[in-house]
Protein backbone atom coordinates (compact mmCIF):
# COMPACT_ATOMS: atom_id res chain seq x y z
CA MET A 1 21.01 -23.44 14.61
CA SER A 2 17.85 -23.16 16.49
CA SER A 3 15.04 -20.83 15.04
CA SER A 4 14.51 -19.43 18.47
CA LEU A 5 16.40 -18.47 21.51
CA PRO A 6 16.18 -20.21 24.78
CA GLY A 7 13.68 -18.43 27.10
CA VAL A 8 12.39 -16.29 24.12
CA GLU A 9 8.91 -16.92 22.72
CA PRO A 10 8.80 -17.58 18.84
CA ILE A 11 7.10 -14.76 17.08
CA PRO A 12 3.50 -15.88 16.21
CA GLN A 13 2.83 -16.52 12.52
CA ASN A 14 0.11 -13.76 12.38
CA MET A 15 2.54 -11.22 13.73
CA LEU A 16 5.20 -12.13 10.88
CA LEU A 17 2.49 -11.89 8.24
CA ARG A 18 1.29 -8.34 9.46
CA ALA A 19 5.03 -7.49 9.70
CA ARG A 20 5.55 -8.18 6.05
CA MET A 21 2.62 -6.42 5.01
CA LEU A 22 3.56 -3.22 6.66
CA ARG A 23 7.13 -3.50 5.37
CA VAL A 24 5.60 -3.02 1.85
CA LEU A 25 3.22 -0.32 3.06
CA MET A 26 6.12 1.67 4.57
CA HIS A 27 7.68 2.35 1.10
CA PRO A 28 7.03 5.78 0.00
CA LEU A 29 5.64 4.53 -3.24
CA GLY A 30 3.50 1.92 -1.30
CA LEU A 31 2.12 4.51 0.73
CA ARG A 32 1.16 6.75 -2.14
CA ILE A 33 -0.56 3.86 -3.95
CA ALA A 34 -2.21 2.78 -0.90
CA TRP A 35 -3.53 6.17 -0.30
CA ALA A 36 -4.80 6.56 -3.81
CA LEU A 37 -6.50 3.16 -3.55
CA SER A 38 -8.14 4.20 -0.19
CA GLN A 39 -10.04 6.64 -2.21
CA ARG A 40 -11.41 4.57 -4.95
CA GLU A 41 -10.69 1.51 -7.26
CA MET A 42 -8.23 2.40 -10.24
CA CYS A 43 -6.39 0.97 -12.81
CA VAL A 44 -2.53 1.37 -13.41
CA ASN A 45 -2.85 4.22 -15.58
CA GLU A 46 -5.06 6.09 -13.17
CA LEU A 47 -2.50 5.35 -10.57
CA VAL A 48 0.47 6.58 -12.60
CA ALA A 49 -1.40 9.92 -13.04
CA GLN A 50 -2.12 10.01 -9.22
CA VAL A 51 1.48 9.11 -8.17
CA ALA A 52 3.11 11.37 -10.65
CA SER A 53 6.75 10.79 -11.89
CA VAL A 54 6.58 7.25 -11.59
CA THR A 55 6.57 4.87 -14.61
CA SER A 56 3.67 2.30 -15.02
CA SER A 57 5.89 -0.48 -15.03
CA ARG A 58 7.18 0.50 -11.58
CA VAL A 59 3.46 1.03 -10.29
CA SER A 60 2.55 -2.51 -11.93
CA GLN A 61 5.72 -3.95 -10.04
CA TYR A 62 4.66 -2.38 -6.73
CA LEU A 63 1.06 -3.47 -7.12
CA ALA A 64 2.27 -7.03 -7.50
CA LEU A 65 3.99 -6.77 -4.22
CA LEU A 66 0.89 -5.39 -2.65
CA ARG A 67 -1.30 -8.12 -3.98
CA GLU A 68 1.26 -10.96 -2.79
CA GLN A 69 0.85 -9.48 0.70
CA GLY A 70 -2.90 -9.45 0.37
CA LEU A 71 -3.19 -5.67 0.67
CA VAL A 72 -4.61 -5.13 -2.80
CA ILE A 73 -7.07 -7.16 -5.00
CA SER A 74 -7.92 -6.93 -8.65
CA ARG A 75 -10.69 -7.54 -11.03
CA ARG A 76 -10.87 -7.36 -14.84
CA ASP A 77 -13.01 -4.74 -16.37
CA ARG A 78 -13.24 -5.45 -20.08
CA ASN A 79 -9.55 -4.43 -21.27
CA TRP A 80 -8.50 -3.08 -17.89
CA ILE A 81 -7.36 -4.47 -14.57
CA ARG A 82 -8.72 -2.37 -11.73
CA TYR A 83 -7.14 -2.36 -8.26
CA ARG A 84 -8.47 -1.66 -4.79
CA LEU A 85 -7.57 -2.21 -1.14
CA ALA A 86 -8.27 -5.86 -0.18
CA ASP A 87 -10.67 -4.78 2.64
CA ALA A 88 -11.80 -2.36 5.55
CA GLN A 89 -9.04 -3.61 7.66
CA VAL A 90 -6.30 -2.53 5.16
CA ARG A 91 -8.12 0.63 4.68
CA GLN A 92 -7.85 1.39 8.31
CA TRP A 93 -4.03 0.59 8.53
CA VAL A 94 -3.70 3.21 5.64
CA VAL A 95 -5.65 5.76 7.71
CA ASP A 96 -3.70 4.81 10.86
CA LEU A 97 -0.47 5.22 9.20
CA ASN A 98 -1.62 8.86 8.67
CA ILE A 99 -0.72 8.73 5.01
CA SER A 100 -2.05 12.29 4.68
CA ARG A 101 0.95 13.44 6.68
CA VAL A 102 3.55 11.73 4.84
CA PRO A 103 5.68 14.04 2.47
CA GLY A 104 4.74 13.21 -1.16
CA ALA A 105 1.24 11.85 -0.14
CA LEU A 106 -1.85 12.59 -1.95
CA ALA A 107 -4.80 14.27 -0.71
CA PRO A 108 -8.25 12.76 -1.05
CA ASN A 109 -8.78 14.76 -4.39
CA GLY A 110 -5.39 13.17 -5.69
CA GLU A 111 -3.36 16.50 -5.72
CA ALA A 112 0.01 16.42 -3.86
CA MET A 113 -0.11 17.83 -0.57
CA ALA A 114 2.19 20.21 0.94
CA ASP A 115 4.70 18.84 3.96
CA GLN A 116 2.79 19.47 7.12
CA GLU A 117 4.39 20.03 10.56
CA THR A 118 3.17 17.39 13.14
């Protein structure tokens, strides 16, 4: 079976990579974690506190997905692993996705935001 249809241009590799990144960000937990990390660098325990009602293992699993897609980077700080968004482009994507309007998203101060009308 052919990987592309006759007369249809194949999808560029960079577009496929961006689609995979956005798929990870479009999950509600991914959005909440990305919004929290757009504010500052955090460890898993801090993210659990920010993303209320999610276990540390779930946050860790999702951070691994974000890291695999190149959206988040980590560094060791003594006994802690601290996470942050990979770069300014990723932060801009988070802003462009208008995370602050997503139900369940966090305000810049880390508090849950009320659902907003668009």
